[in-house]
Amino acid sequence: MSDQLKSAAKRLLNIGLDELSELERNVVSGIIERKPVSRNTTVEFGEQLTFGQRIADRVAAIGGSWTFIIGFAVVLTIWIVLNSFILLRSGEDFDPYPYILLNLVLSMLAAIQAPLIMMSQNRHAAKDRLDATHDYEVNLKAELEILELHRKIDELRDLQWKELLSMQQEQIRLLTEVLKARQS
């Protein structure tokens, strides 16, 4: 297998096996073994997630949606209206203006939500890197396969030219014999 791999690396990439990266070796090996490169990176990446990472992804998905923004605006509006008008008229002060309790709740929400969203973004960046590596692997294999097909077509074309030349030489020889036979 190693000799096949060395010759394939030399033929396909014009470099020695030692100069190839691990990914390039896998691609050349896959070409020799005729095994597909494709895999589902989303499933592969999703299987590695812990419970906490899944929660962070859900928080990021919910916190970054219009539903959350609109719902949160409605809750803030209700809080302000409730504390500014309704409770003020009844004489009870739950969270009077400047809404210190509301600010505390919002600060705690931001303090918890921001790191969770950043964790989710970091994981998505790692998944994007995995996707990019996979794309490179697939593209490299496709390019090498195309180059191999070009080489085979060139060989066939050269063989056909040789056959055509030999046929033409045979026709010239036969025509020469016919001309000689007519002249005699």
Protein backbone atom coordinates (compact mmCIF):
# COMPACT_ATOMS: atom_id res chain seq x y z
CA MET A 1 0.00 0.00 0.00
CA SER A 2 2.83 2.38 0.82
CA ASP A 3 4.40 1.96 -2.62
CA GLN A 4 1.04 2.62 -4.25
CA LEU A 5 0.61 5.69 -2.08
CA LYS A 6 4.08 6.98 -2.97
CA SER A 7 3.55 6.51 -6.70
CA ALA A 8 0.07 8.05 -6.55
CA ALA A 9 1.40 11.07 -4.66
CA LYS A 10 4.15 11.51 -7.23
CA ARG A 11 1.74 11.03 -10.16
CA LEU A 12 -1.10 13.18 -8.82
CA LEU A 13 0.70 15.94 -6.95
CA ASN A 14 4.23 15.77 -8.33
CA ILE A 15 5.66 15.67 -4.81
CA GLY A 16 6.92 12.97 -2.50
CA LEU A 17 4.82 11.27 0.13
CA ASP A 18 6.87 12.81 2.94
CA GLU A 19 5.95 16.31 1.78
CA LEU A 20 2.17 15.70 2.02
CA SER A 21 0.08 16.82 4.97
CA GLU A 22 -2.01 14.24 6.80
CA LEU A 23 -5.14 15.49 5.04
CA GLU A 24 -3.50 15.20 1.61
CA ARG A 25 -2.33 11.67 2.45
CA ASN A 26 -5.89 10.74 3.37
CA VAL A 27 -7.17 12.16 0.08
CA VAL A 28 -4.57 10.29 -2.01
CA SER A 29 -5.26 7.13 -0.02
CA GLY A 30 -9.00 7.61 -0.62
CA ILE A 31 -8.40 7.92 -4.36
CA ILE A 32 -6.39 4.69 -4.40
CA GLU A 33 -8.98 2.82 -2.30
CA ARG A 34 -11.91 4.46 -4.16
CA LYS A 35 -13.59 5.42 -0.90
CA PRO A 36 -15.81 8.52 -0.68
CA VAL A 37 -14.68 11.59 1.27
CA SER A 38 -18.13 12.92 2.09
CA ARG A 39 -19.43 12.87 5.62
CA ASN A 40 -22.07 14.79 7.52
CA THR A 41 -20.07 17.27 9.60
CA THR A 42 -23.23 18.62 11.26
CA VAL A 43 -24.07 15.22 12.73
CA GLU A 44 -20.42 14.52 13.50
CA PHE A 45 -20.09 17.83 15.35
CA GLY A 46 -23.48 17.53 17.08
CA GLU A 47 -22.61 14.15 18.58
CA GLN A 48 -19.72 15.71 20.49
CA LEU A 49 -21.79 18.38 22.27
CA THR A 50 -22.25 18.18 26.03
CA PHE A 51 -25.50 19.00 27.81
CA GLY A 52 -24.23 22.46 28.77
CA GLN A 53 -23.17 23.19 25.21
CA ARG A 54 -26.59 22.21 23.92
CA ILE A 55 -28.20 24.56 26.46
CA ALA A 56 -25.85 27.38 25.38
CA ASP A 57 -26.86 26.80 21.76
CA ARG A 58 -30.55 26.92 22.66
CA VAL A 59 -30.08 30.14 24.69
CA ALA A 60 -28.20 31.70 21.75
CA ALA A 61 -30.90 30.57 19.32
CA ILE A 62 -33.69 32.00 21.48
CA GLY A 63 -31.80 35.14 22.59
CA GLY A 64 -30.96 36.04 19.01
CA SER A 65 -34.49 35.79 17.66
CA TRP A 66 -37.11 38.41 16.91
CA THR A 67 -39.54 36.51 19.11
CA PHE A 68 -37.26 37.08 22.11
CA ILE A 69 -36.67 40.76 21.28
CA ILE A 70 -40.37 41.51 20.80
CA GLY A 71 -41.36 39.46 23.87
CA PHE A 72 -38.72 41.18 25.97
CA ALA A 73 -39.88 44.63 24.76
CA VAL A 74 -43.44 43.70 25.76
CA VAL A 75 -42.29 42.57 29.24
CA LEU A 76 -40.28 45.78 29.73
CA THR A 77 -43.23 47.89 28.63
CA ILE A 78 -45.58 46.06 31.00
CA TRP A 79 -43.07 46.44 33.86
CA ILE A 80 -42.73 50.20 33.27
CA VAL A 81 -46.48 50.75 32.84
CA LEU A 82 -47.29 48.62 35.88
CA ASN A 83 -44.79 50.40 38.12
CA SER A 84 -45.27 53.90 36.77
CA PHE A 85 -49.02 54.15 36.57
CA ILE A 86 -50.92 51.31 38.19
CA LEU A 87 -48.91 50.76 41.39
CA LEU A 88 -48.27 54.51 41.74
CA ARG A 89 -52.01 55.24 41.68
CA SER A 90 -52.69 52.55 44.24
CA GLY A 91 -49.98 54.02 46.47
CA GLU A 92 -47.68 51.00 46.42
CA ASP A 93 -44.05 51.40 45.42
CA PHE A 94 -42.75 48.09 44.06
CA ASP A 95 -40.00 49.37 41.74
CA PRO A 96 -40.37 53.13 41.36
CA TYR A 97 -38.62 55.22 38.72
CA PRO A 98 -35.62 54.86 37.81
CA TYR A 99 -36.50 51.12 38.01
CA ILE A 100 -33.48 49.92 39.95
CA LEU A 101 -34.85 46.37 40.31
CA LEU A 102 -35.50 46.21 36.56
CA ASN A 103 -31.92 47.37 35.87
CA LEU A 104 -30.62 44.69 38.24
CA VAL A 105 -32.64 41.98 36.49
CA LEU A 106 -31.50 43.19 33.06
CA SER A 107 -27.86 43.26 34.18
CA MET A 108 -28.09 39.72 35.57
CA LEU A 109 -29.74 38.52 32.35
CA ALA A 110 -27.00 40.12 30.24
CA ALA A 111 -24.27 38.72 32.52
CA ILE A 112 -25.62 35.19 32.10
CA GLN A 113 -26.70 35.41 28.46
CA ALA A 114 -23.53 36.99 26.99
CA PRO A 115 -21.08 34.18 27.91
CA LEU A 116 -23.57 31.54 26.79
CA ILE A 117 -23.93 33.24 23.41
CA MET A 118 -20.14 33.57 23.10
CA MET A 119 -19.71 29.85 23.91
CA SER A 120 -22.21 29.02 21.19
CA GLN A 121 -20.46 31.31 18.70
CA ASN A 122 -17.09 29.71 19.48
CA ARG A 123 -18.56 26.26 18.84
CA HIS A 124 -20.09 27.44 15.58
CA ALA A 125 -16.71 28.84 14.55
CA ALA A 126 -15.13 25.44 15.33
CA LYS A 127 -17.84 23.75 13.27
CA ASP A 128 -17.19 26.19 10.42
CA ARG A 129 -13.48 25.28 10.56
CA LEU A 130 -14.41 21.58 10.42
CA ASP A 131 -16.68 22.29 7.44
CA ALA A 132 -13.92 24.26 5.70
CA THR A 133 -11.44 21.42 6.22
CA HIS A 134 -13.95 18.92 4.86
CA ASP A 135 -14.69 21.17 1.88
CA TYR A 136 -10.96 21.43 1.16
CA GLU A 137 -10.64 17.65 1.36
CA VAL A 138 -13.55 17.11 -1.03
CA ASN A 139 -12.32 19.78 -3.44
CA LEU A 140 -8.78 18.38 -3.42
CA LYS A 141 -10.04 14.89 -4.15
CA ALA A 142 -12.27 16.18 -6.96
CA GLU A 143 -9.40 18.14 -8.46
CA LEU A 144 -7.06 15.14 -8.29
CA GLU A 145 -9.70 12.87 -9.83
CA ILE A 146 -10.20 15.36 -12.66
CA LEU A 147 -6.44 15.55 -13.24
CA GLU A 148 -6.30 11.76 -13.33
CA LEU A 149 -9.14 11.68 -15.87
CA HIS A 150 -7.30 14.25 -18.00
CA ARG A 151 -4.17 12.10 -17.88
CA LYS A 152 -6.13 9.02 -18.97
CA ILE A 153 -7.84 10.91 -21.78
CA ASP A 154 -4.46 12.22 -22.94
CA GLU A 155 -3.10 8.66 -22.95
CA LEU A 156 -6.11 7.48 -24.98
CA ARG A 157 -5.70 10.35 -27.41
CA ASP A 158 -1.98 9.57 -27.85
CA LEU A 159 -2.81 5.90 -28.42
CA GLN A 160 -5.46 6.82 -30.99
CA TRP A 161 -2.98 9.10 -32.79
CA LYS A 162 -0.46 6.25 -32.94
CA GLU A 163 -3.11 3.88 -34.28
CA LEU A 164 -4.25 6.48 -36.78
CA LEU A 165 -0.66 7.04 -37.97
CA SER A 166 -0.05 3.32 -38.34
CA MET A 167 -3.32 2.95 -40.26
CA GLN A 168 -2.34 5.85 -42.49
CA GLN A 169 1.09 4.33 -43.10
CA GLU A 170 -0.56 1.02 -43.98
CA GLN A 171 -2.91 2.80 -46.40
CA ILE A 172 0.04 4.59 -48.01
CA ARG A 173 1.87 1.25 -48.35
CA LEU A 174 -1.20 -0.37 -49.92
CA LEU A 175 -1.72 2.58 -52.28
CA THR A 176 1.93 2.41 -53.27
CA GLU A 177 1.55 -1.32 -54.03
CA VAL A 178 -1.60 -0.61 -56.08
CA LEU A 179 0.21 2.10 -58.04
CA LYS A 180 3.16 -0.20 -58.69
CA ALA A 181 0.80 -2.98 -59.82
CA ARG A 182 -0.96 -0.60 -62.26
CA GLN A 183 2.32 0.64 -63.72
CA SER A 184 3.61 -2.82 -64.44
